[in-house]
């Protein structure tokens, strides 16, 4: 089984997110979660298999912002 790379790296209280072929990355206005500044959202496509009728990227982004 292939080991997955981490999607988040922490540096200077900011999260730097990386993207794989099945993930989409969106820049957002900075928010702070547990004293960590978040500037991007990574949405993995796995949710589309069971939830595509009720969930999409725009809804997820609206919930985050």
PDB file of N, CA and C in Angstrom:
ATOM      1  N   UNK A   1       0.840  -1.175   0.000  1.00  0.00           N
ATOM      2  CA  UNK A   1       0.000   0.000   0.000  1.00  0.00           C
ATOM      3  C   UNK A   1       0.886   1.240   0.000  1.00  0.00           C
ATOM      4  N   UNK A   2       0.592   2.179  -0.879  1.00  0.00           N
ATOM      5  CA  UNK A   2       1.374   3.397  -0.998  1.00  0.00           C
ATOM      6  C   UNK A   2       0.995   4.370   0.104  1.00  0.00           C
ATOM      7  N   UNK A   3       1.994   4.933   0.746  1.00  0.00           N
ATOM      8  CA  UNK A   3       1.749   5.895   1.821  1.00  0.00           C
ATOM      9  C   UNK A   3       1.413   7.247   1.222  1.00  0.00           C
ATOM     10  N   UNK A   4       0.354   7.870   1.735  1.00  0.00           N
ATOM     11  CA  UNK A   4      -0.060   9.182   1.256  1.00  0.00           C
ATOM     12  C   UNK A   4       0.799  10.259   1.879  1.00  0.00           C
ATOM     13  N   UNK A   5       1.082  11.308   1.094  1.00  0.00           N
ATOM     14  CA  UNK A   5       1.813  12.459   1.608  1.00  0.00           C
ATOM     15  C   UNK A   5       0.868  13.304   2.451  1.00  0.00           C
ATOM     16  N   UNK A   6       1.375  13.944   3.483  1.00  0.00           N
ATOM     17  CA  UNK A   6       0.510  14.825   4.277  1.00  0.00           C
ATOM     18  C   UNK A   6       0.026  15.987   3.433  1.00  0.00           C
ATOM     19  N   UNK A   7      -1.208  16.435   3.676  1.00  0.00           N
ATOM     20  CA  UNK A   7      -1.744  17.548   2.901  1.00  0.00           C
ATOM     21  C   UNK A   7      -1.474  18.886   3.557  1.00  0.00           C
ATOM     22  N   UNK A   8      -0.980  18.878   4.785  1.00  0.00           N
ATOM     23  CA  UNK A   8      -0.742  20.154   5.461  1.00  0.00           C
ATOM     24  C   UNK A   8       0.648  20.169   6.065  1.00  0.00           C
ATOM     25  N   UNK A   9       1.308  21.298   5.946  1.00  0.00           N
ATOM     26  CA  UNK A   9       2.583  21.520   6.598  1.00  0.00           C
ATOM     27  C   UNK A   9       2.459  22.810   7.387  1.00  0.00           C
ATOM     28  N   UNK A  10       2.999  22.812   8.585  1.00  0.00           N
ATOM     29  CA  UNK A  10       2.891  23.982   9.451  1.00  0.00           C
ATOM     30  C   UNK A  10       4.190  24.771   9.410  1.00  0.00           C
ATOM     31  N   UNK A  11       4.065  26.077   9.212  1.00  0.00           N
ATOM     32  CA  UNK A  11       5.232  26.952   9.217  1.00  0.00           C
ATOM     33  C   UNK A  11       4.787  28.348   9.648  1.00  0.00           C
ATOM     34  N   UNK A  12       5.412  28.876  10.686  1.00  0.00           N
ATOM     35  CA  UNK A  12       5.126  30.230  11.172  1.00  0.00           C
ATOM     36  C   UNK A  12       3.637  30.454  11.430  1.00  0.00           C
ATOM     37  N   UNK A  13       2.988  29.523  12.089  1.00  0.00           N
ATOM     38  CA  UNK A  13       1.561  29.614  12.410  1.00  0.00           C
ATOM     39  C   UNK A  13       0.673  29.701  11.180  1.00  0.00           C
ATOM     40  N   UNK A  14       1.123  29.231  10.044  1.00  0.00           N
ATOM     41  CA  UNK A  14       0.303  29.199   8.835  1.00  0.00           C
ATOM     42  C   UNK A  14       0.304  27.769   8.312  1.00  0.00           C
ATOM     43  N   UNK A  15      -0.788  27.373   7.710  1.00  0.00           N
ATOM     44  CA  UNK A  15      -0.876  26.047   7.113  1.00  0.00           C
ATOM     45  C   UNK A  15      -0.618  26.195   5.623  1.00  0.00           C
ATOM     46  N   UNK A  16       0.340  25.442   5.113  1.00  0.00           N
ATOM     47  CA  UNK A  16       0.604  25.402   3.689  1.00  0.00           C
ATOM     48  C   UNK A  16       0.085  24.068   3.175  1.00  0.00           C
ATOM     49  N   UNK A  17      -0.842  24.121   2.264  1.00  0.00           N
ATOM     50  CA  UNK A  17      -1.482  22.909   1.802  1.00  0.00           C
ATOM     51  C   UNK A  17      -0.976  22.524   0.421  1.00  0.00           C
ATOM     52  N   UNK A  18      -0.815  21.221   0.210  1.00  0.00           N
ATOM     53  CA  UNK A  18      -0.401  20.743  -1.099  1.00  0.00           C
ATOM     54  C   UNK A  18      -1.585  20.077  -1.787  1.00  0.00           C
ATOM     55  N   UNK A  19      -1.481  19.885  -3.087  1.00  0.00           N
ATOM     56  CA  UNK A  19      -2.603  19.381  -3.859  1.00  0.00           C
ATOM     57  C   UNK A  19      -2.204  18.110  -4.591  1.00  0.00           C
ATOM     58  N   UNK A  20      -3.075  17.124  -4.589  1.00  0.00           N
ATOM     59  CA  UNK A  20      -2.868  15.940  -5.411  1.00  0.00           C
ATOM     60  C   UNK A  20      -3.860  16.002  -6.560  1.00  0.00           C
ATOM     61  N   UNK A  21      -3.825  15.012  -7.426  1.00  0.00           N
ATOM     62  CA  UNK A  21      -4.676  15.043  -8.618  1.00  0.00           C
ATOM     63  C   UNK A  21      -6.164  14.923  -8.280  1.00  0.00           C
ATOM     64  N   UNK A  22      -6.504  14.400  -7.113  1.00  0.00           N
ATOM     65  CA  UNK A  22      -7.914  14.237  -6.741  1.00  0.00           C
ATOM     66  C   UNK A  22      -8.390  15.326  -5.787  1.00  0.00           C
ATOM     67  N   UNK A  23      -7.565  16.315  -5.581  1.00  0.00           N
ATOM     68  CA  UNK A  23      -7.907  17.388  -4.649  1.00  0.00           C
ATOM     69  C   UNK A  23      -7.908  18.724  -5.374  1.00  0.00           C
ATOM     70  N   UNK A  24      -8.801  19.584  -4.923  1.00  0.00           N
ATOM     71  CA  UNK A  24      -8.866  20.939  -5.462  1.00  0.00           C
ATOM     72  C   UNK A  24      -8.519  21.903  -4.340  1.00  0.00           C
ATOM     73  N   UNK A  25      -7.725  22.903  -4.660  1.00  0.00           N
ATOM     74  CA  UNK A  25      -7.273  23.868  -3.668  1.00  0.00           C
ATOM     75  C   UNK A  25      -7.876  25.229  -3.971  1.00  0.00           C
ATOM     76  N   UNK A  26      -8.411  25.866  -2.931  1.00  0.00           N
ATOM     77  CA  UNK A  26      -9.004  27.197  -3.057  1.00  0.00           C
ATOM     78  C   UNK A  26      -8.360  28.113  -2.030  1.00  0.00           C
ATOM     79  N   UNK A  27      -7.949  29.291  -2.458  1.00  0.00           N
ATOM     80  CA  UNK A  27      -7.470  30.300  -1.518  1.00  0.00           C
ATOM     81  C   UNK A  27      -8.693  30.962  -0.889  1.00  0.00           C
ATOM     82  N   UNK A  28      -8.607  31.197   0.404  1.00  0.00           N
ATOM     83  CA  UNK A  28      -9.693  31.854   1.128  1.00  0.00           C
ATOM     84  C   UNK A  28      -9.118  33.034   1.895  1.00  0.00           C
ATOM     85  N   UNK A  29     -10.014  33.913   2.347  1.00  0.00           N
ATOM     86  CA  UNK A  29      -9.533  34.967   3.230  1.00  0.00           C
ATOM     87  C   UNK A  29      -9.046  34.272   4.493  1.00  0.00           C
ATOM     88  N   UNK A  30      -7.980  34.762   5.090  1.00  0.00           N
ATOM     89  CA  UNK A  30      -7.405  34.070   6.250  1.00  0.00           C
ATOM     90  C   UNK A  30      -8.405  33.917   7.394  1.00  0.00           C
ATOM     91  N   UNK A  31      -8.441  32.712   7.942  1.00  0.00           N
ATOM     92  CA  UNK A  31      -9.204  32.440   9.158  1.00  0.00           C
ATOM     93  C   UNK A  31      -8.252  31.783  10.151  1.00  0.00           C
ATOM     94  N   UNK A  32      -8.581  31.861  11.414  1.00  0.00           N
ATOM     95  CA  UNK A  32      -7.748  31.257  12.447  1.00  0.00           C
ATOM     96  C   UNK A  32      -8.513  30.121  13.114  1.00  0.00           C
ATOM     97  N   UNK A  33      -7.875  28.962  13.145  1.00  0.00           N
ATOM     98  CA  UNK A  33      -8.452  27.776  13.783  1.00  0.00           C
ATOM     99  C   UNK A  33      -7.425  27.275  14.792  1.00  0.00           C
ATOM    100  N   UNK A  34      -7.808  27.256  16.064  1.00  0.00           N
ATOM    101  CA  UNK A  34      -6.891  26.824  17.128  1.00  0.00           C
ATOM    102  C   UNK A  34      -5.549  27.542  17.045  1.00  0.00           C
ATOM    103  N   UNK A  35      -5.597  28.846  16.873  1.00  0.00           N
ATOM    104  CA  UNK A  35      -4.400  29.692  16.789  1.00  0.00           C
ATOM    105  C   UNK A  35      -3.526  29.401  15.576  1.00  0.00           C
ATOM    106  N   UNK A  36      -4.081  28.781  14.558  1.00  0.00           N
ATOM    107  CA  UNK A  36      -3.364  28.505  13.317  1.00  0.00           C
ATOM    108  C   UNK A  36      -4.071  29.240  12.185  1.00  0.00           C
ATOM    109  N   UNK A  37      -3.301  30.020  11.429  1.00  0.00           N
ATOM    110  CA  UNK A  37      -3.858  30.773  10.311  1.00  0.00           C
ATOM    111  C   UNK A  37      -4.049  29.842   9.116  1.00  0.00           C
ATOM    112  N   UNK A  38      -5.271  29.805   8.579  1.00  0.00           N
ATOM    113  CA  UNK A  38      -5.596  28.968   7.427  1.00  0.00           C
ATOM    114  C   UNK A  38      -5.879  29.890   6.254  1.00  0.00           C
ATOM    115  N   UNK A  39      -5.195  29.650   5.127  1.00  0.00           N
ATOM    116  CA  UNK A  39      -5.333  30.530   3.965  1.00  0.00           C
ATOM    117  C   UNK A  39      -5.798  29.791   2.712  1.00  0.00           C
ATOM    118  N   UNK A  40      -5.898  28.477   2.798  1.00  0.00           N
ATOM    119  CA  UNK A  40      -6.365  27.673   1.670  1.00  0.00           C
ATOM    120  C   UNK A  40      -7.249  26.549   2.181  1.00  0.00           C
ATOM    121  N   UNK A  41      -8.156  26.114   1.319  1.00  0.00           N
ATOM    122  CA  UNK A  41      -8.995  24.945   1.603  1.00  0.00           C
ATOM    123  C   UNK A  41      -8.706  23.917   0.528  1.00  0.00           C
ATOM    124  N   UNK A  42      -8.474  22.688   0.952  1.00  0.00           N
ATOM    125  CA  UNK A  42      -8.271  21.583   0.022  1.00  0.00           C
ATOM    126  C   UNK A  42      -9.496  20.691   0.105  1.00  0.00           C
ATOM    127  N   UNK A  43     -10.150  20.498  -1.029  1.00  0.00           N
ATOM    128  CA  UNK A  43     -11.347  19.655  -1.079  1.00  0.00           C
ATOM    129  C   UNK A  43     -11.009  18.398  -1.855  1.00  0.00           C
ATOM    130  N   UNK A  44     -11.109  17.280  -1.195  1.00  0.00           N
ATOM    131  CA  UNK A  44     -10.843  15.992  -1.817  1.00  0.00           C
ATOM    132  C   UNK A  44     -12.110  15.520  -2.512  1.00  0.00           C
ATOM    133  N   UNK A  45     -11.969  14.888  -3.642  1.00  0.00           N
ATOM    134  CA  UNK A  45     -13.132  14.487  -4.436  1.00  0.00           C
ATOM    135  C   UNK A  45     -13.863  13.264  -3.881  1.00  0.00           C
ATOM    136  N   UNK A  46     -13.376  12.653  -2.804  1.00  0.00           N
ATOM    137  CA  UNK A  46     -14.010  11.429  -2.307  1.00  0.00           C
ATOM    138  C   UNK A  46     -15.476  11.624  -1.914  1.00  0.00           C
ATOM    139  N   UNK A  47     -15.860  12.838  -1.491  1.00  0.00           N
ATOM    140  CA  UNK A  47     -17.240  13.062  -1.061  1.00  0.00           C
ATOM    141  C   UNK A  47     -18.237  12.956  -2.221  1.00  0.00           C
ATOM    142  N   UNK A  48     -17.773  13.172  -3.438  1.00  0.00           N
ATOM    143  CA  UNK A  48     -18.672  13.191  -4.591  1.00  0.00           C
ATOM    144  C   UNK A  48     -19.325  11.837  -4.860  1.00  0.00           C
ATOM    145  N   UNK A  49     -18.675  10.769  -4.455  1.00  0.00           N
ATOM    146  CA  UNK A  49     -19.200   9.432  -4.713  1.00  0.00           C
ATOM    147  C   UNK A  49     -20.568   9.209  -4.060  1.00  0.00           C
ATOM    148  N   UNK A  50     -20.738   9.657  -2.835  1.00  0.00           N
ATOM    149  CA  UNK A  50     -21.995   9.432  -2.115  1.00  0.00           C
ATOM    150  C   UNK A  50     -22.821  10.696  -1.910  1.00  0.00           C
ATOM    151  N   UNK A  51     -22.213  11.873  -2.016  1.00  0.00           N
ATOM    152  CA  UNK A  51     -22.898  13.093  -1.609  1.00  0.00           C
ATOM    153  C   UNK A  51     -23.006  14.159  -2.693  1.00  0.00           C
ATOM    154  N   UNK A  52     -22.766  13.826  -3.937  1.00  0.00           N
ATOM    155  CA  UNK A  52     -22.725  14.852  -4.985  1.00  0.00           C
ATOM    156  C   UNK A  52     -24.074  15.528  -5.228  1.00  0.00           C
ATOM    157  N   UNK A  53     -25.165  14.888  -4.855  1.00  0.00           N
ATOM    158  CA  UNK A  53     -26.484  15.513  -5.046  1.00  0.00           C
ATOM    159  C   UNK A  53     -26.730  16.648  -4.062  1.00  0.00           C
ATOM    160  N   UNK A  54     -26.093  16.603  -2.905  1.00  0.00           N
ATOM    161  CA  UNK A  54     -26.358  17.600  -1.875  1.00  0.00           C
ATOM    162  C   UNK A  54     -25.141  18.436  -1.487  1.00  0.00           C
ATOM    163  N   UNK A  55     -23.958  18.072  -1.948  1.00  0.00           N
ATOM    164  CA  UNK A  55     -22.737  18.755  -1.539  1.00  0.00           C
ATOM    165  C   UNK A  55     -21.919  19.104  -2.771  1.00  0.00           C
ATOM    166  N   UNK A  56     -21.308  20.285  -2.744  1.00  0.00           N
ATOM    167  CA  UNK A  56     -20.399  20.683  -3.815  1.00  0.00           C
ATOM    168  C   UNK A  56     -19.348  21.626  -3.247  1.00  0.00           C
ATOM    169  N   UNK A  57     -18.366  21.965  -4.067  1.00  0.00           N
ATOM    170  CA  UNK A  57     -17.270  22.807  -3.593  1.00  0.00           C
ATOM    171  C   UNK A  57     -17.762  24.160  -3.096  1.00  0.00           C
ATOM    172  N   UNK A  58     -18.700  24.761  -3.806  1.00  0.00           N
ATOM    173  CA  UNK A  58     -19.187  26.079  -3.412  1.00  0.00           C
ATOM    174  C   UNK A  58     -19.851  26.039  -2.038  1.00  0.00           C
ATOM    175  N   UNK A  59     -20.590  24.990  -1.730  1.00  0.00           N
ATOM    176  CA  UNK A  59     -21.225  24.867  -0.414  1.00  0.00           C
ATOM    177  C   UNK A  59     -20.168  24.695   0.676  1.00  0.00           C
ATOM    178  N   UNK A  60     -19.181  23.877   0.410  1.00  0.00           N
ATOM    179  CA  UNK A  60     -18.112  23.682   1.391  1.00  0.00           C
ATOM    180  C   UNK A  60     -17.389  25.001   1.659  1.00  0.00           C
ATOM    181  N   UNK A  61     -17.083  25.736   0.593  1.00  0.00           N
ATOM    182  CA  UNK A  61     -16.409  27.024   0.755  1.00  0.00           C
ATOM    183  C   UNK A  61     -17.275  28.022   1.510  1.00  0.00           C
ATOM    184  N   UNK A  62     -18.573  27.998   1.269  1.00  0.00           N
ATOM    185  CA  UNK A  62     -19.488  28.890   1.994  1.00  0.00           C
ATOM    186  C   UNK A  62     -19.498  28.551   3.485  1.00  0.00           C
ATOM    187  N   UNK A  63     -19.404  27.288   3.822  1.00  0.00           N
ATOM    188  CA  UNK A  63     -19.369  26.880   5.233  1.00  0.00           C
ATOM    189  C   UNK A  63     -18.080  27.306   5.912  1.00  0.00           C
ATOM    190  N   UNK A  64     -16.989  27.319   5.169  1.00  0.00           N
ATOM    191  CA  UNK A  64     -15.700  27.686   5.745  1.00  0.00           C
ATOM    192  C   UNK A  64     -15.592  29.196   5.938  1.00  0.00           C
ATOM    193  N   UNK A  65     -16.089  29.946   4.970  1.00  0.00           N
ATOM    194  CA  UNK A  65     -15.954  31.419   5.041  1.00  0.00           C
ATOM    195  C   UNK A  65     -17.017  32.018   5.868  1.00  0.00           C
TER     196      UNK A  65
END
